[in-house]
């Protein structure tokens, strides 16, 4: 069996999950990886056969999306994206799997090839997955249409629907023996280091390990240690921490809850998926802040003293998920024009309209 596995490299979680999945996926056949995106902080040794700059998101210094840089990246790369959609040989594979990757999705749509959208974002096809009090039309549209497929297999903090499984947790985390060395592990990629140190210095009795894409080597400033983003170092810090402060992503919060560490999440401004994750985490009792401002230090002190949440314990879900994926995959059953919309319609949904394909 020939398998195409398309992975979005705009977030560290996608790369981390793919690294865990690949050895299991290779038991089902020969796997080619398509890596799409240009702003992942992790190095990868995945066997990448196809590579694209993709359509990436970029952030400003203060916890939000940089809309101008993101829009400029998409606009300048539009001709390239259309060319890649046409040239990606999805029709040569027995199974096409995409982890919220739009070029593969568009290529499958244009060539009428069945595919599986597998990952966290796929879970948002279900109305049972938590959303924030104020649902966003644009956010919902992007989550449901950015990587359309003929079949969906989702991952979330718990099994909200019959096609949703629990998180893929790294082996190092599942097998870890967590201890509390008293520090707080921090990964807030949407915030600049200078913003973070301003507030963490105001909590001098606690040491903070801040994983930063802005430093090349470890730097200690008072009670704050800045560490380059590296998976093994981050895992080590998290396993031995008192707690973790991070964005409202998916993989890291799931791992923190499994380790039963204190957890505070701050959604990236303008990223609707993170608002949805925050809503789900609040149901577990996790501390959620909407932004870092002058009240942040008080929130951190309160969280350090008393905050607890519903404990969870995850297992290695990969064999079950992949068995379900490959046993249920059927191009004849799932391939339908009303599920795989016309190429032009997909681009229109993404706002890429008035484009000539001639």
Protein backbone atom coordinates (compact mmCIF):
# COMPACT_ATOMS: atom_id res chain seq x y z
CA UNK A 1 0.00 0.00 0.00
CA UNK A 2 1.27 3.48 -0.89
CA UNK A 3 0.36 6.16 1.66
CA UNK A 4 0.71 9.94 1.32
CA UNK A 5 0.85 11.65 4.73
CA UNK A 6 0.56 15.43 4.47
CA UNK A 7 1.65 17.31 7.57
CA UNK A 8 1.21 21.00 8.29
CA UNK A 9 4.42 22.54 9.65
CA UNK A 10 2.84 25.76 10.91
CA UNK A 11 2.69 24.41 14.46
CA UNK A 12 4.98 22.22 16.52
CA UNK A 13 2.13 19.90 17.49
CA UNK A 14 1.63 18.63 13.94
CA UNK A 15 5.32 17.71 13.59
CA UNK A 16 5.40 16.11 17.02
CA UNK A 17 2.33 14.00 16.28
CA UNK A 18 3.65 12.92 12.87
CA UNK A 19 6.91 11.76 14.44
CA UNK A 20 4.98 9.55 16.85
CA UNK A 21 2.63 8.20 14.18
CA UNK A 22 5.07 7.39 11.39
CA UNK A 23 6.56 4.12 12.77
CA UNK A 24 3.06 2.74 13.28
CA UNK A 25 1.84 4.00 9.90
CA UNK A 26 4.74 2.29 8.14
CA UNK A 27 3.38 -1.09 9.27
CA UNK A 28 0.50 -0.55 6.82
CA UNK A 29 2.60 0.35 3.79
CA UNK A 30 5.16 2.65 2.21
CA UNK A 31 4.72 6.21 3.51
CA UNK A 32 5.70 9.40 1.68
CA UNK A 33 5.53 12.62 3.69
CA UNK A 34 4.44 15.99 2.31
CA UNK A 35 5.53 18.78 4.67
CA UNK A 36 3.79 22.12 4.21
CA UNK A 37 4.51 25.36 6.05
CA UNK A 38 7.40 27.60 6.96
CA UNK A 39 7.23 28.64 10.61
CA UNK A 40 7.59 25.52 12.73
CA UNK A 41 10.19 25.87 15.51
CA UNK A 42 11.11 22.17 15.69
CA UNK A 43 13.66 20.38 13.56
CA UNK A 44 12.32 17.22 11.96
CA UNK A 45 13.85 13.99 10.70
CA UNK A 46 10.67 12.87 8.97
CA UNK A 47 11.32 11.23 5.57
CA UNK A 48 9.99 14.18 3.57
CA UNK A 49 9.45 13.46 -0.14
CA UNK A 50 7.53 16.65 -1.00
CA UNK A 51 8.09 20.06 0.57
CA UNK A 52 6.12 23.31 0.31
CA UNK A 53 6.14 26.71 1.98
CA UNK A 54 2.38 26.18 2.22
CA UNK A 55 0.07 28.76 3.76
CA UNK A 56 1.48 29.70 7.16
CA UNK A 57 0.34 31.91 10.03
CA UNK A 58 2.63 34.50 11.61
CA UNK A 59 2.39 36.31 14.96
CA UNK A 60 3.18 39.73 16.39
CA UNK A 61 4.95 40.44 19.71
CA UNK A 62 1.83 40.64 21.86
CA UNK A 63 0.09 37.30 21.53
CA UNK A 64 -1.85 37.80 18.30
CA UNK A 65 -1.81 36.94 14.62
CA UNK A 66 0.17 39.23 12.32
CA UNK A 67 -2.57 39.61 9.72
CA UNK A 68 -0.51 41.68 7.25
CA UNK A 69 2.42 39.26 7.22
CA UNK A 70 0.08 36.25 6.98
CA UNK A 71 -1.95 37.80 4.14
CA UNK A 72 1.21 38.88 2.34
CA UNK A 73 2.63 35.36 2.57
CA UNK A 74 -0.52 33.85 1.04
CA UNK A 75 -0.85 36.52 -1.66
CA UNK A 76 2.76 36.38 -2.87
CA UNK A 77 2.69 32.60 -2.86
CA UNK A 78 -0.65 32.14 -4.60
CA UNK A 79 0.75 31.26 -8.02
CA UNK A 80 3.10 28.76 -6.42
CA UNK A 81 0.27 27.23 -4.38
CA UNK A 82 -1.89 26.73 -7.49
CA UNK A 83 1.05 25.07 -9.25
CA UNK A 84 1.68 22.76 -6.29
CA UNK A 85 -2.00 21.82 -6.10
CA UNK A 86 -1.88 20.74 -9.72
CA UNK A 87 1.46 18.91 -9.55
CA UNK A 88 1.11 17.02 -6.25
CA UNK A 89 0.54 13.38 -7.39
CA UNK A 90 -2.24 12.46 -4.95
CA UNK A 91 -3.79 10.16 -7.56
CA UNK A 92 -0.78 7.80 -7.32
CA UNK A 93 -1.49 6.82 -3.72
CA UNK A 94 -3.80 4.19 -2.24
CA UNK A 95 -4.50 6.32 0.84
CA UNK A 96 -4.11 10.09 1.25
CA UNK A 97 -4.03 11.40 4.83
CA UNK A 98 -3.77 15.07 5.67
CA UNK A 99 -3.24 16.72 9.03
CA UNK A 100 -5.04 20.03 8.35
CA UNK A 101 -2.98 20.62 5.21
CA UNK A 102 -4.74 22.67 2.54
CA UNK A 103 -2.63 21.98 -0.59
CA UNK A 104 -3.25 18.24 -0.37
CA UNK A 105 -6.92 18.86 0.30
CA UNK A 106 -7.22 21.15 -2.74
CA UNK A 107 -5.31 18.70 -4.93
CA UNK A 108 -7.62 15.85 -3.91
CA UNK A 109 -10.66 18.03 -4.55
CA UNK A 110 -9.49 19.06 -8.01
CA UNK A 111 -8.56 15.49 -9.02
CA UNK A 112 -11.57 13.80 -7.34
CA UNK A 113 -9.35 11.70 -5.05
CA UNK A 114 -10.64 10.50 -1.68
CA UNK A 115 -8.73 11.54 1.44
CA UNK A 116 -8.79 11.45 5.23
CA UNK A 117 -8.48 14.60 7.34
CA UNK A 118 -6.84 13.18 10.45
CA UNK A 119 -5.93 15.23 13.51
CA UNK A 120 -7.21 17.71 16.03
CA UNK A 121 -8.85 20.09 13.54
CA UNK A 122 -10.88 17.22 12.07
CA UNK A 123 -12.76 16.97 15.38
CA UNK A 124 -14.42 20.34 14.70
CA UNK A 125 -16.65 18.71 12.10
CA UNK A 126 -18.66 17.63 15.17
CA UNK A 127 -21.14 19.99 16.81
CA UNK A 128 -20.45 18.24 20.14
CA UNK A 129 -16.93 19.68 20.40
CA UNK A 130 -16.88 22.72 22.76
CA UNK A 131 -16.92 26.21 21.28
CA UNK A 132 -16.57 29.63 22.95
CA UNK A 133 -19.72 31.48 23.99
CA UNK A 134 -19.43 33.68 20.89
CA UNK A 135 -18.95 31.43 17.89
CA UNK A 136 -17.15 33.07 14.97
CA UNK A 137 -18.50 32.51 11.46
CA UNK A 138 -15.11 32.99 9.81
CA UNK A 139 -13.36 30.77 12.34
CA UNK A 140 -15.91 27.99 11.92
CA UNK A 141 -15.66 28.27 8.14
CA UNK A 142 -11.86 27.97 8.18
CA UNK A 143 -11.86 24.99 10.56
CA UNK A 144 -14.39 23.11 8.44
CA UNK A 145 -13.14 24.06 4.97
CA UNK A 146 -9.39 24.73 5.13
CA UNK A 147 -8.59 21.04 4.65
CA UNK A 148 -11.77 19.42 3.36
CA UNK A 149 -11.74 15.64 2.96
CA UNK A 150 -14.04 12.75 2.23
CA UNK A 151 -13.53 11.25 5.70
CA UNK A 152 -12.65 12.71 9.10
CA UNK A 153 -10.91 11.18 12.12
CA UNK A 154 -10.49 13.65 14.96
CA UNK A 155 -8.41 13.92 18.12
CA UNK A 156 -9.46 15.91 21.18
CA UNK A 157 -9.12 16.10 24.96
CA UNK A 158 -11.88 13.49 25.21
CA UNK A 159 -14.11 11.48 22.86
CA UNK A 160 -16.83 14.00 22.10
CA UNK A 161 -18.13 12.01 19.08
CA UNK A 162 -17.87 8.56 17.52
CA UNK A 163 -15.10 9.61 15.09
CA UNK A 164 -13.05 11.43 17.75
CA UNK A 165 -10.24 9.80 19.73
CA UNK A 166 -8.13 10.95 22.68
CA UNK A 167 -4.80 12.75 22.04
CA UNK A 168 -1.67 11.19 20.58
CA UNK A 169 0.70 11.66 23.52
CA UNK A 170 4.44 11.29 23.01
CA UNK A 171 6.04 8.09 24.27
CA UNK A 172 8.43 10.10 26.47
CA UNK A 173 5.46 11.67 28.25
CA UNK A 174 3.46 8.44 28.58
CA UNK A 175 6.45 6.68 30.15
CA UNK A 176 7.61 9.63 32.28
CA UNK A 177 7.81 9.66 36.07
CA UNK A 178 6.91 13.30 36.77
CA UNK A 179 8.46 15.15 39.68
CA UNK A 180 8.11 18.73 40.93
CA UNK A 181 11.36 20.70 40.95
CA UNK A 182 9.51 23.97 41.57
CA UNK A 183 9.94 25.78 38.25
CA UNK A 184 7.28 26.80 35.69
CA UNK A 185 7.74 25.75 32.06
CA UNK A 186 6.57 28.42 29.59
CA UNK A 187 5.89 28.19 25.87
CA UNK A 188 4.07 31.25 24.53
CA UNK A 189 5.35 31.54 20.96
CA UNK A 190 3.04 34.45 20.11
CA UNK A 191 4.61 36.68 22.79
CA UNK A 192 8.01 38.38 22.56
CA UNK A 193 10.59 37.57 25.25
CA UNK A 194 10.70 41.20 26.40
CA UNK A 195 6.96 41.10 27.13
CA UNK A 196 7.23 37.89 29.16
CA UNK A 197 10.23 38.84 31.29
CA UNK A 198 8.56 42.10 32.29
CA UNK A 199 5.90 40.14 34.16
CA UNK A 200 7.80 37.03 35.28
CA UNK A 201 10.34 39.21 37.10
CA UNK A 202 7.43 40.32 39.27
CA UNK A 203 7.12 36.75 40.60
CA UNK A 204 10.70 36.50 41.97
CA UNK A 205 10.08 33.49 44.24
CA UNK A 206 9.45 31.24 41.19
CA UNK A 207 11.88 30.29 38.42
CA UNK A 208 10.51 30.27 34.86
CA UNK A 209 11.88 28.18 31.97
CA UNK A 210 10.80 30.16 28.89
CA UNK A 211 11.20 28.27 25.62
CA UNK A 212 11.89 30.89 23.00
CA UNK A 213 12.41 30.96 19.24
CA UNK A 214 14.32 34.24 19.72
CA UNK A 215 17.39 32.81 21.46
CA UNK A 216 20.11 30.51 20.11
CA UNK A 217 21.51 29.44 23.49
CA UNK A 218 20.37 29.33 27.11
CA UNK A 219 20.24 32.79 28.74
CA UNK A 220 19.55 33.41 32.44
CA UNK A 221 18.09 36.76 33.52
CA UNK A 222 17.20 36.91 37.22
CA UNK A 223 14.48 34.26 37.81
CA UNK A 224 13.90 33.65 34.10
CA UNK A 225 15.85 31.22 31.92
CA UNK A 226 15.34 31.54 28.17
CA UNK A 227 15.91 28.24 26.32
CA UNK A 228 15.92 27.61 22.56
CA UNK A 229 12.91 25.60 21.38
CA UNK A 230 13.98 21.96 21.33
CA UNK A 231 11.69 18.99 21.93
CA UNK A 232 13.83 16.95 24.32
CA UNK A 233 14.70 19.97 26.49
CA UNK A 234 11.06 21.05 26.60
CA UNK A 235 9.90 17.56 27.60
CA UNK A 236 12.53 17.41 30.34
CA UNK A 237 11.54 20.82 31.71
CA UNK A 238 7.83 20.01 31.61
CA UNK A 239 8.19 16.59 33.30
CA UNK A 240 10.14 18.16 36.17
CA UNK A 241 8.07 21.34 36.49
CA UNK A 242 5.52 22.53 39.01
CA UNK A 243 3.31 23.71 36.17
CA UNK A 244 3.12 24.95 32.59
CA UNK A 245 1.95 28.22 31.01
CA UNK A 246 1.32 27.88 27.30
CA UNK A 247 -1.01 28.77 24.43
CA UNK A 248 -4.38 27.06 24.07
CA UNK A 249 -3.08 24.57 21.53
CA UNK A 250 -3.79 20.88 21.71
CA UNK A 251 -0.78 18.58 22.19
CA UNK A 252 1.02 20.48 24.96
CA UNK A 253 -2.08 21.06 27.16
CA UNK A 254 -3.01 17.38 26.74
CA UNK A 255 0.48 16.29 27.83
CA UNK A 256 0.47 18.65 30.80
CA UNK A 257 -2.89 17.29 31.97
CA UNK A 258 -1.63 13.72 31.57
CA UNK A 259 1.39 14.61 33.75
CA UNK A 260 -1.10 16.19 36.22
CA UNK A 261 0.84 19.45 36.37
CA UNK A 262 -0.68 22.87 36.96
CA UNK A 263 -1.82 24.33 33.64
CA UNK A 264 -2.56 27.87 32.49
CA UNK A 265 -3.41 28.58 28.85
CA UNK A 266 -3.57 31.87 26.94
CA UNK A 267 -5.18 31.59 23.48
CA UNK A 268 -3.40 33.27 20.58
CA UNK A 269 -5.44 36.34 19.70
CA UNK A 270 -7.46 35.89 16.54
CA UNK A 271 -6.92 32.12 16.37
CA UNK A 272 -10.42 30.68 16.71
CA UNK A 273 -9.29 27.09 17.18
CA UNK A 274 -7.44 28.14 20.34
CA UNK A 275 -10.57 29.85 21.66
CA UNK A 276 -12.40 26.55 21.13
CA UNK A 277 -9.65 24.62 22.92
CA UNK A 278 -9.77 27.10 25.79
CA UNK A 279 -13.52 26.51 26.11
CA UNK A 280 -12.91 22.75 26.29
CA UNK A 281 -10.11 23.16 28.83
CA UNK A 282 -12.29 25.37 31.03
CA UNK A 283 -14.72 22.45 31.28
CA UNK A 284 -11.86 20.47 32.86
CA UNK A 285 -11.23 23.34 35.28
CA UNK A 286 -8.02 24.58 33.64
CA UNK A 287 -7.04 28.21 34.24
CA UNK A 288 -7.68 30.25 31.06
CA UNK A 289 -6.56 33.85 30.50
CA UNK A 290 -7.51 35.81 27.39
CA UNK A 291 -4.39 37.97 27.34
CA UNK A 292 -1.31 39.08 29.25
CA UNK A 293 -1.88 42.50 30.79
CA UNK A 294 -1.31 44.34 34.08
CA UNK A 295 -3.48 41.78 35.95
CA UNK A 296 -1.28 38.89 34.80
CA UNK A 297 0.96 38.70 37.87
CA UNK A 298 -2.04 38.51 40.23
CA UNK A 299 -3.51 35.71 38.10
CA UNK A 300 -0.21 33.80 38.15
CA UNK A 301 0.08 34.07 41.95
CA UNK A 302 -3.51 32.90 42.44
CA UNK A 303 -2.95 30.01 40.03
CA UNK A 304 0.24 28.95 41.81
CA UNK A 305 -1.50 28.89 45.18
CA UNK A 306 -4.76 27.11 44.49
CA UNK A 307 -5.72 26.16 40.95
CA UNK A 308 -6.66 22.51 40.29
CA UNK A 309 -8.53 20.75 37.49
CA UNK A 310 -10.13 17.43 36.61
CA UNK A 311 -7.33 14.80 36.35
CA UNK A 312 -6.88 12.82 33.14
CA UNK A 313 -4.78 9.82 32.16
CA UNK A 314 -4.15 9.05 28.50
CA UNK A 315 -2.85 5.87 26.87
CA UNK A 316 -1.15 5.08 23.57
CA UNK A 317 -4.11 5.56 21.24
CA UNK A 318 -2.12 5.26 17.98
CA UNK A 319 -2.73 1.55 17.20
CA UNK A 320 -6.50 1.95 17.74
CA UNK A 321 -6.70 5.12 15.64
CA UNK A 322 -4.72 3.73 12.70
CA UNK A 323 -6.62 0.44 12.75
CA UNK A 324 -9.86 2.42 12.55
CA UNK A 325 -8.45 4.65 9.79
CA UNK A 326 -7.22 1.91 7.47
CA UNK A 327 -10.11 -0.49 8.09
CA UNK A 328 -12.76 2.16 7.47
CA UNK A 329 -11.02 3.81 4.50
CA UNK A 330 -12.96 3.21 1.29
CA UNK A 331 -12.59 5.51 -1.73
CA UNK A 332 -15.72 4.05 -3.31
CA UNK A 333 -17.76 4.64 -0.18
CA UNK A 334 -16.50 8.08 0.74
CA UNK A 335 -15.77 9.77 -2.57
CA UNK A 336 -18.70 12.02 -3.44
CA UNK A 337 -18.86 15.39 -5.19
CA UNK A 338 -20.97 16.91 -2.44
CA UNK A 339 -18.22 15.99 0.07
CA UNK A 340 -15.26 16.91 -2.11
CA UNK A 341 -16.31 20.30 -3.51
CA UNK A 342 -15.07 21.77 -6.77
CA UNK A 343 -11.55 23.23 -6.66
CA UNK A 344 -12.83 26.74 -7.37
CA UNK A 345 -15.43 26.46 -4.62
CA UNK A 346 -12.77 25.50 -2.08
CA UNK A 347 -10.60 28.47 -3.06
CA UNK A 348 -13.63 30.74 -2.81
CA UNK A 349 -14.29 29.48 0.72
CA UNK A 350 -10.72 30.41 1.62
CA UNK A 351 -11.24 33.88 0.17
CA UNK A 352 -9.00 33.21 -2.85
CA UNK A 353 -11.49 34.28 -5.50
CA UNK A 354 -11.33 35.89 -8.95
CA UNK A 355 -8.46 33.61 -9.95
CA UNK A 356 -7.85 32.37 -13.47
CA UNK A 357 -6.87 28.72 -13.82
CA UNK A 358 -6.36 28.86 -17.57
